[in-house]
Every structure is written in C-alpha cells, then in structure tokens.
Protein backbone atom coordinates (compact mmCIF):
# COMPACT_ATOMS: atom_id res chain seq x y z
CA ARG A 1 45.51 16.67 87.77
CA GLY A 2 44.03 13.86 85.70
CA CYS A 3 45.12 10.32 84.78
CA GLY A 4 48.11 9.77 82.55
CA SER A 5 49.96 7.20 80.48
CA VAL A 6 53.74 7.34 79.95
CA SER A 7 55.20 5.19 77.19
CA GLN A 8 58.16 4.81 74.88
CA VAL A 9 57.84 5.26 71.12
CA PRO A 10 60.45 3.47 69.00
CA VAL A 11 62.54 5.48 66.57
CA ALA A 12 60.96 5.39 63.09
CA GLU A 13 62.82 3.32 60.52
CA GLY A 14 65.59 5.29 58.84
CA LYS A 15 65.03 8.28 61.13
CA SER A 16 66.84 9.75 64.13
CA VAL A 17 65.31 10.32 67.58
CA GLN A 18 64.88 14.02 66.77
CA GLN A 19 63.20 13.34 63.39
CA THR A 20 60.79 10.88 65.03
CA VAL A 21 59.87 13.45 67.71
CA GLU A 22 59.24 16.01 64.94
CA LEU A 23 57.07 13.48 63.08
CA LEU A 24 54.92 12.93 66.21
CA ALA A 25 54.74 16.70 66.79
CA ARG A 26 53.49 17.25 63.22
CA ARG A 27 50.78 14.61 63.71
CA LEU A 28 49.65 16.29 66.94
CA GLU A 29 49.60 19.73 65.32
CA ALA A 30 47.62 18.33 62.38
CA LEU A 31 44.98 17.17 64.91
CA GLY A 32 44.79 20.73 66.20
CA ALA A 33 46.94 20.47 69.35
CA ASP A 34 48.52 23.73 70.60
CA LYS A 35 52.03 24.09 72.01
CA GLN A 36 51.96 24.99 75.71
CA GLY A 37 55.59 25.52 76.67
CA THR A 38 58.12 22.88 77.66
CA PHE A 39 58.51 20.19 80.32
CA GLY A 40 61.27 18.18 81.96
CA VAL A 41 61.47 15.04 84.10
CA ASP A 42 64.80 13.92 85.55
CA CYS A 43 65.93 10.92 87.56
CA GLU A 44 69.06 10.25 89.61
CA THR A 45 69.90 6.81 90.94
CA TYR A 46 71.16 6.19 94.48
CA HIS A 47 72.58 2.91 95.82
CA THR A 48 72.29 1.95 99.46
CA ALA A 49 75.91 2.47 100.47
CA GLY A 50 76.48 -0.68 102.51
CA THR A 51 76.36 -3.03 99.54
CA ILE A 52 78.50 -1.07 97.09
CA GLY A 53 81.58 -3.02 96.10
CA THR A 54 80.29 -6.26 97.63
CA GLN A 55 80.65 -8.89 94.96
CA GLY A 56 77.55 -10.68 93.79
CA GLN A 57 75.26 -8.37 95.74
CA THR A 58 73.24 -5.47 94.45
CA GLY A 59 72.22 -2.73 96.82
CA LYS A 60 68.67 -1.49 96.92
CA LEU A 61 68.21 1.33 94.44
CA MET A 62 66.39 4.56 95.13
CA TYR A 63 65.41 6.98 92.38
CA VAL A 64 65.16 10.68 93.14
CA MET A 65 63.04 12.42 90.52
CA HIS A 66 61.77 15.88 89.59
CA ASN A 67 58.96 16.92 87.26
CA SER A 68 58.57 20.50 85.98
CA GLU A 69 54.78 20.14 86.40
CA TYR A 70 55.37 19.93 90.18
CA PRO A 71 58.22 22.43 90.75
CA LEU A 72 57.87 22.41 94.56
CA SER A 73 58.05 18.63 94.88
CA CYS A 74 60.69 15.96 94.76
CA PHE A 75 59.80 12.27 94.32
CA ALA A 76 61.77 9.42 95.89
CA LEU A 77 60.90 5.99 94.52
CA PHE A 78 62.04 2.46 95.20
CA GLU A 79 61.65 -0.24 92.57
CA ASN A 80 58.53 -2.28 93.47
CA GLY A 81 58.20 -0.04 96.47
CA PRO A 82 56.68 3.12 97.81
CA CYS A 83 56.77 6.52 96.15
CA LEU A 84 57.58 9.28 98.63
CA VAL A 85 56.57 12.82 97.72
CA ALA A 86 58.71 15.40 99.52
CA ASP A 87 59.37 19.09 99.12
CA ALA A 88 62.21 20.40 96.98
CA ASN A 89 64.63 20.50 99.96
CA PHE A 90 64.86 16.71 99.76
CA ASP A 91 67.86 17.10 97.41
CA THR A 92 69.91 18.76 100.15
CA LEU A 93 68.88 16.00 102.54
CA MET A 94 70.28 13.40 100.11
CA VAL A 95 73.67 15.15 100.25
CA LYS A 96 73.63 14.77 104.05
CA LEU A 97 72.67 11.08 103.73
CA LYS A 98 75.64 10.22 101.52
CA GLY A 99 76.88 7.76 104.15
CA PHE A 100 73.73 5.72 103.46
CA PHE A 101 72.93 6.51 99.83
CA GLN A 102 75.51 7.05 97.13
CA ASN A 103 74.69 8.80 93.88
CA ALA A 104 75.42 6.75 90.75
CA LYS A 105 76.23 9.93 88.83
CA ALA A 106 76.75 8.24 85.46
CA ASN A 107 73.16 7.00 85.65
CA LYS A 108 71.36 10.37 85.50
CA ILE A 109 68.62 10.22 82.89
CA GLU A 110 66.05 12.80 81.83
CA SER A 111 63.30 13.52 79.35
CA ARG A 112 62.76 17.03 78.00
CA GLY A 113 60.49 18.37 75.31
CA THR A 114 57.30 20.19 74.38
CA ARG A 115 53.87 20.20 76.03
CA TYR A 116 50.76 20.18 73.85
CA GLN A 117 47.15 20.84 74.80
CA TYR A 118 44.36 19.23 72.78
CA CYS A 119 40.84 19.72 74.21
CA ASP A 120 40.99 17.94 77.61
CA PHE A 121 44.27 16.15 76.84
CA LEU A 122 47.78 17.23 77.76
CA VAL A 123 50.55 15.60 75.72
CA LYS A 124 54.28 15.76 76.48
CA LEU A 125 56.70 14.65 73.76
CA GLY A 126 60.14 14.12 75.27
CA THR A 127 63.62 13.20 74.12
CA VAL A 128 65.20 10.88 76.71
CA THR A 129 68.90 11.59 77.25
CA MET A 130 71.66 9.99 79.29
CA GLY A 131 74.76 12.13 79.35
CA PRO A 132 75.22 13.86 75.98
CA SER A 133 73.29 11.37 73.85
CA ALA A 134 69.61 10.89 72.99
CA ARG A 135 68.49 7.39 74.01
CA GLY A 136 64.79 7.29 73.24
CA ILE A 137 61.43 9.02 73.04
CA SER A 138 58.81 9.35 75.77
CA VAL A 139 55.17 10.25 75.29
CA GLU A 140 53.04 11.24 78.26
CA VAL A 141 49.32 11.69 77.66
CA GLU A 142 47.07 12.98 80.41
CA TYR A 143 43.30 13.21 80.41
CA CYS A 144 42.77 16.16 82.71
CA PRO A 145 39.09 15.95 83.83
CA CYS A 146 39.28 12.42 85.28
CA VAL A 147 41.15 11.07 88.33
CA ILE A 148 39.83 7.47 88.28
CA ALA A 149 42.13 5.50 85.98
CA ASN A 150 39.65 2.80 84.93
CA ASP A 151 37.04 5.38 83.92
CA CYS A 152 39.16 7.03 81.26
CA TRP A 153 41.51 4.39 79.82
CA ASN A 154 39.37 3.78 76.70
CA LEU A 155 39.27 7.53 75.97
CA LEU A 156 43.02 7.86 76.52
CA MET A 157 43.72 4.91 74.24
CA GLU A 158 41.48 6.20 71.47
CA PHE A 159 43.20 9.58 71.52
CA MET A 160 46.71 8.04 71.61
CA GLN A 161 45.88 5.89 68.58
CA SER A 162 45.11 9.05 66.60
CA PHE A 163 48.79 10.08 66.58
CA MET A 164 50.75 7.03 67.88
CA GLY A 165 49.07 4.43 65.65
CA SER A 166 50.42 0.91 66.23
CA HIS A 167 52.72 2.17 69.02
CA THR A 168 49.77 2.94 71.32
CA PRO A 169 50.61 1.29 74.67
CA GLY A 170 48.43 -1.01 76.75
CA PRO A 171 47.16 0.12 80.17
CA PRO A 172 50.04 1.01 82.54
CA ALA A 173 50.66 -1.38 85.44
CA VAL A 174 49.75 1.39 87.92
CA PHE A 175 46.23 1.48 86.41
CA GLY A 176 45.77 -2.19 87.29
CA ALA A 177 46.93 -1.54 90.84
CA LYS A 178 44.62 1.47 91.20
CA HIS A 179 41.30 -0.04 90.11
CA ASP A 180 38.81 2.57 91.25
CA SER A 181 41.06 4.63 93.51
CA VAL A 182 42.33 8.13 92.74
CA TYR A 183 45.28 8.55 90.37
CA SER A 184 48.08 10.75 91.75
CA PRO A 185 51.22 12.51 90.41
CA GLY A 186 53.28 9.73 92.03
CA ASP A 187 51.65 7.24 89.63
CA THR A 188 53.01 9.25 86.68
CA MET A 189 56.49 9.27 88.25
CA VAL A 190 56.39 5.47 88.71
CA GLN A 191 55.69 5.18 84.97
CA TYR A 192 58.64 7.47 84.14
CA MET A 193 60.89 5.43 86.45
CA GLU A 194 59.86 2.21 84.66
CA LEU A 195 60.39 3.83 81.24
CA PHE A 196 63.85 5.16 82.20
CA ASN A 197 64.89 1.76 83.56
CA LYS A 198 63.72 0.07 80.37
CA ILE A 199 65.76 2.52 78.26
CA ARG A 200 68.83 2.03 80.50
CA LYS A 201 68.59 -1.76 80.06
CA GLN A 202 68.29 -1.39 76.28
CA GLN A 203 71.62 0.47 76.30
CA GLN A 204 73.31 -2.40 78.12
CA VAL A 205 72.44 -5.06 75.53
CA PRO A 206 75.57 -5.80 73.46
CA VAL A 207 75.17 -5.23 69.75
CA ALA A 208 75.41 -8.49 67.78
CA GLY A 209 78.28 -8.72 65.35
CA ILE A 210 80.59 -6.35 67.20
CA ARG A 211 83.61 -8.15 68.61
C-alpha cells in the first residue's frame, strides 16, 4: 500500500452531510475518477476497567478498529501510544479481557462510503456516523506507488486541492513522525482515530443559545 491522508471536510453551507458527500463525489467523477466498490472503517472505545467510576480520574482509552481494506486484521490503538496490528480473532480476545477493558458501547463510531480510483490515487469518501446519525465527512486519499511519506506529500496535496479546494488538509502528524521511514496501514488507522476523536469532541460542545 502507499501513503495516505485522512481528513475531515466540513458540511457545505446550507447542505446536509449527504449532499456534501454527493458534491465531492461529483467533483471526483468530473476529474475522471472511477467508482471501485465501497469501504468501511469502524472504531470501538474501551476503558481500562480499574478507573471506571472513580471520580476525577479518566482511565486509559484503547481503540479497537477495523478497516475493510485489511479484512484479516484488527488494529488496537492507544492515544499517543502504540498501534498494535493483530489478526481478526482479537475481537474475541477483548471479550475475554472484559475484567480489564470495558467497552464504551455508546461510543462506537464508523465511516462508510465509496472508493474511487483516479490514476495512481485511491480516494475514499465516507459518512461518519455515531449511532443512527451522520456526524461528519471523512476523505482518505492514498497515493499507491509511494511508501515514503515525505516523497509524495506535494503530489497528494496537489491532487486533493483539485476536488477539496480550500478544505485541503496540511500534512498529517504521522508524516512528521515518519520522516523518511516507510508508511504503514497503522499510520492510516492513527489518522482515522484522530479524526473520530475530533468528531466526537465536536458533538460534546454545547450549542450556544440553547438553555
């Protein structure tokens, strides 16, 4: 696999999440991108059990994630910490570890949508949902021939500008940490984890004017 960027695109003014996704899809198709099936990335949050219910203390969080691009793998990530790549049986192991890790079921978040291929780029336009409602839009862009992040960022950015315009993101933090080392699927999952956490936090901000 190549190097990728995962970012959030804000909902266009006066439009819904779905209409904004359709707008981005039309721009991609106008460039000549072809639909290549669908994709899904999901994330469940686990708390370390010992600290649940202790006032003023937050337990360490672990995120267990899946990506349809890697159907035989399961990713376990800690915030600011390592990314463990395990096989798909890891989910059953988490059930057995429920004395240590408890699933925050209400926190499940996922992004699902359409994959597009354009020359050497793979683009995934996703609707991010928590429970029944759409919470945001994710765009993953991967440049397939290159595995050294710093070598392809300018190319990635130029292509993203062609359909994301002013919402083109800056280089992901994982690119800075990688320098000239090889980009891996775990780096993409770290970006999804950061995106999901950002969207979760946006939901928690109280809306001004509502009493």
